[in-house]
């Protein structure tokens, strides 16, 4: 959590004495815990949610491009955001706080190619 948004994490920790910081950190932890990105065979599967699940599955052969964004702090801590595009201008899905996002991009290229 700290790696993906260090300033937000520090702010939440500073708000712990007011009790809202605990709620923010708990919510953030549950969001991180409930997001799972996997490569299964020739498919990329993104699953979100603890109680209810939202699953997006994309065939790697259909992927047109993978956009990796890393802010200055993200680059320092080795995390980033990934957007996967198939057809059209809108991403098929977007995931934040992924460790070593360029490794994911290279994995997709390797499987495609």
C-alpha atoms as a PDB file:
ATOM      1  CA  UNK A   1       0.000   0.000   0.000  1.00  0.00           C
ATOM      2  CA  UNK A   2       2.807   2.386   0.869  1.00  0.00           C
ATOM      3  CA  UNK A   3       4.595   1.695  -2.407  1.00  0.00           C
ATOM      4  CA  UNK A   4       1.606   2.503  -4.616  1.00  0.00           C
ATOM      5  CA  UNK A   5       0.727   5.810  -2.926  1.00  0.00           C
ATOM      6  CA  UNK A   6       3.283   6.906  -0.295  1.00  0.00           C
ATOM      7  CA  UNK A   7       1.814  10.376   0.284  1.00  0.00           C
ATOM      8  CA  UNK A   8      -1.712   9.002   0.738  1.00  0.00           C
ATOM      9  CA  UNK A   9      -0.389   6.358   3.123  1.00  0.00           C
ATOM     10  CA  UNK A  10       1.443   8.923   5.264  1.00  0.00           C
ATOM     11  CA  UNK A  11      -1.669  11.113   5.351  1.00  0.00           C
ATOM     12  CA  UNK A  12      -3.821   8.150   6.438  1.00  0.00           C
ATOM     13  CA  UNK A  13      -1.326   7.265   9.193  1.00  0.00           C
ATOM     14  CA  UNK A  14      -1.379  10.874  10.401  1.00  0.00           C
ATOM     15  CA  UNK A  15      -5.184  10.651  10.606  1.00  0.00           C
ATOM     16  CA  UNK A  16      -5.110   7.500  12.790  1.00  0.00           C
ATOM     17  CA  UNK A  17      -5.508   9.484  16.052  1.00  0.00           C
ATOM     18  CA  UNK A  18      -8.740  10.941  14.638  1.00  0.00           C
ATOM     19  CA  UNK A  19      -9.936   7.356  13.860  1.00  0.00           C
ATOM     20  CA  UNK A  20     -10.679   8.170  10.216  1.00  0.00           C
ATOM     21  CA  UNK A  21      -7.135   7.067   9.356  1.00  0.00           C
ATOM     22  CA  UNK A  22      -7.891   3.549  10.587  1.00  0.00           C
ATOM     23  CA  UNK A  23     -10.986   3.406   8.382  1.00  0.00           C
ATOM     24  CA  UNK A  24      -9.041   4.657   5.360  1.00  0.00           C
ATOM     25  CA  UNK A  25      -6.200   2.175   5.902  1.00  0.00           C
ATOM     26  CA  UNK A  26      -8.612  -0.725   6.467  1.00  0.00           C
ATOM     27  CA  UNK A  27     -10.617   0.127   3.321  1.00  0.00           C
ATOM     28  CA  UNK A  28      -7.403   0.514   1.290  1.00  0.00           C
ATOM     29  CA  UNK A  29      -6.066  -2.817   2.576  1.00  0.00           C
ATOM     30  CA  UNK A  30      -9.290  -4.610   1.639  1.00  0.00           C
ATOM     31  CA  UNK A  31      -9.225  -3.109  -1.870  1.00  0.00           C
ATOM     32  CA  UNK A  32      -5.617  -4.290  -2.319  1.00  0.00           C
ATOM     33  CA  UNK A  33      -6.447  -7.714  -0.919  1.00  0.00           C
ATOM     34  CA  UNK A  34      -9.474  -8.132  -3.188  1.00  0.00           C
ATOM     35  CA  UNK A  35      -7.723  -7.361  -6.505  1.00  0.00           C
ATOM     36  CA  UNK A  36      -6.021 -10.238  -8.305  1.00  0.00           C
ATOM     37  CA  UNK A  37      -4.384 -10.194 -11.773  1.00  0.00           C
ATOM     38  CA  UNK A  38      -3.380 -13.557 -13.263  1.00  0.00           C
ATOM     39  CA  UNK A  39      -2.111 -14.968 -16.538  1.00  0.00           C
ATOM     40  CA  UNK A  40      -3.807 -18.328 -17.078  1.00  0.00           C
ATOM     41  CA  UNK A  41      -2.787 -20.047 -20.300  1.00  0.00           C
ATOM     42  CA  UNK A  42      -3.459 -17.509 -23.060  1.00  0.00           C
ATOM     43  CA  UNK A  43      -5.838 -15.402 -20.972  1.00  0.00           C
ATOM     44  CA  UNK A  44      -5.386 -12.517 -18.578  1.00  0.00           C
ATOM     45  CA  UNK A  45      -7.884 -12.666 -15.722  1.00  0.00           C
ATOM     46  CA  UNK A  46      -8.606  -9.686 -13.450  1.00  0.00           C
ATOM     47  CA  UNK A  47     -10.727 -10.444 -10.385  1.00  0.00           C
ATOM     48  CA  UNK A  48     -11.968  -7.714  -8.037  1.00  0.00           C
ATOM     49  CA  UNK A  49     -14.082  -7.945  -4.918  1.00  0.00           C
ATOM     50  CA  UNK A  50     -14.350  -9.747  -1.593  1.00  0.00           C
ATOM     51  CA  UNK A  51     -18.050 -10.492  -1.165  1.00  0.00           C
ATOM     52  CA  UNK A  52     -19.168 -10.006  -4.747  1.00  0.00           C
ATOM     53  CA  UNK A  53     -16.739 -10.761  -7.550  1.00  0.00           C
ATOM     54  CA  UNK A  54     -16.165  -8.904 -10.810  1.00  0.00           C
ATOM     55  CA  UNK A  55     -14.061 -10.950 -13.232  1.00  0.00           C
ATOM     56  CA  UNK A  56     -12.696  -9.681 -16.547  1.00  0.00           C
ATOM     57  CA  UNK A  57     -11.009 -12.155 -18.878  1.00  0.00           C
ATOM     58  CA  UNK A  58      -9.089 -11.099 -21.988  1.00  0.00           C
ATOM     59  CA  UNK A  59      -7.470 -13.342 -24.587  1.00  0.00           C
ATOM     60  CA  UNK A  60      -3.834 -12.274 -24.954  1.00  0.00           C
ATOM     61  CA  UNK A  61      -4.068 -12.595 -28.754  1.00  0.00           C
ATOM     62  CA  UNK A  62      -6.738  -9.833 -28.760  1.00  0.00           C
ATOM     63  CA  UNK A  63      -4.590  -7.338 -26.833  1.00  0.00           C
ATOM     64  CA  UNK A  64      -3.595  -4.370 -28.978  1.00  0.00           C
ATOM     65  CA  UNK A  65      -1.476  -2.531 -26.402  1.00  0.00           C
ATOM     66  CA  UNK A  66      -0.479  -2.407 -22.739  1.00  0.00           C
ATOM     67  CA  UNK A  67       0.018   1.035 -21.187  1.00  0.00           C
ATOM     68  CA  UNK A  68       2.276   1.236 -18.124  1.00  0.00           C
ATOM     69  CA  UNK A  69       2.250   4.433 -16.059  1.00  0.00           C
ATOM     70  CA  UNK A  70       4.651   5.089 -13.192  1.00  0.00           C
ATOM     71  CA  UNK A  71       4.880   8.352 -11.296  1.00  0.00           C
ATOM     72  CA  UNK A  72       8.180   9.428  -9.764  1.00  0.00           C
ATOM     73  CA  UNK A  73       7.382   7.734  -6.436  1.00  0.00           C
ATOM     74  CA  UNK A  74       6.030   4.646  -8.232  1.00  0.00           C
ATOM     75  CA  UNK A  75       9.331   4.278 -10.082  1.00  0.00           C
ATOM     76  CA  UNK A  76      11.285   4.594  -6.838  1.00  0.00           C
ATOM     77  CA  UNK A  77       9.208   1.860  -5.190  1.00  0.00           C
ATOM     78  CA  UNK A  78       8.900  -0.359  -8.287  1.00  0.00           C
ATOM     79  CA  UNK A  79       5.111  -0.256  -8.763  1.00  0.00           C
ATOM     80  CA  UNK A  80       2.814   1.190 -11.416  1.00  0.00           C
ATOM     81  CA  UNK A  81      -0.540   1.257 -13.156  1.00  0.00           C
ATOM     82  CA  UNK A  82      -1.466  -0.943 -16.108  1.00  0.00           C
ATOM     83  CA  UNK A  83      -4.098  -0.324 -18.774  1.00  0.00           C
ATOM     84  CA  UNK A  84      -4.859  -3.114 -21.248  1.00  0.00           C
ATOM     85  CA  UNK A  85      -6.398  -2.154 -24.605  1.00  0.00           C
ATOM     86  CA  UNK A  86      -8.037  -4.504 -27.084  1.00  0.00           C
ATOM     87  CA  UNK A  87     -10.273  -2.669 -29.577  1.00  0.00           C
ATOM     88  CA  UNK A  88     -11.401   0.924 -29.282  1.00  0.00           C
ATOM     89  CA  UNK A  89     -10.149   3.879 -27.298  1.00  0.00           C
ATOM     90  CA  UNK A  90     -11.220   2.750 -23.824  1.00  0.00           C
ATOM     91  CA  UNK A  91      -9.068   0.282 -21.866  1.00  0.00           C
ATOM     92  CA  UNK A  92     -10.491  -3.190 -21.320  1.00  0.00           C
ATOM     93  CA  UNK A  93      -9.319  -2.922 -17.711  1.00  0.00           C
ATOM     94  CA  UNK A  94      -7.050  -0.831 -15.511  1.00  0.00           C
ATOM     95  CA  UNK A  95      -5.140  -1.952 -12.415  1.00  0.00           C
ATOM     96  CA  UNK A  96      -3.226   0.259  -9.973  1.00  0.00           C
ATOM     97  CA  UNK A  97      -0.320  -0.567  -7.673  1.00  0.00           C
ATOM     98  CA  UNK A  98       1.062  -3.544  -9.596  1.00  0.00           C
ATOM     99  CA  UNK A  99       4.607  -4.534  -8.604  1.00  0.00           C
ATOM    100  CA  UNK A 100       7.049  -4.403 -11.536  1.00  0.00           C
ATOM    101  CA  UNK A 101       4.462  -3.471 -14.223  1.00  0.00           C
ATOM    102  CA  UNK A 102       6.985  -3.643 -17.082  1.00  0.00           C
ATOM    103  CA  UNK A 103       7.459  -7.336 -16.320  1.00  0.00           C
ATOM    104  CA  UNK A 104       3.731  -7.821 -17.019  1.00  0.00           C
ATOM    105  CA  UNK A 105       4.003  -5.876 -20.300  1.00  0.00           C
ATOM    106  CA  UNK A 106       6.978  -7.980 -21.420  1.00  0.00           C
ATOM    107  CA  UNK A 107       5.156 -11.191 -20.457  1.00  0.00           C
ATOM    108  CA  UNK A 108       2.208 -10.238 -22.672  1.00  0.00           C
ATOM    109  CA  UNK A 109       4.537  -9.451 -25.598  1.00  0.00           C
ATOM    110  CA  UNK A 110       6.372 -12.739 -25.106  1.00  0.00           C
ATOM    111  CA  UNK A 111       3.177 -14.801 -25.123  1.00  0.00           C
ATOM    112  CA  UNK A 112       1.834 -12.916 -28.162  1.00  0.00           C
ATOM    113  CA  UNK A 113       4.920 -13.220 -30.145  1.00  0.00           C
END
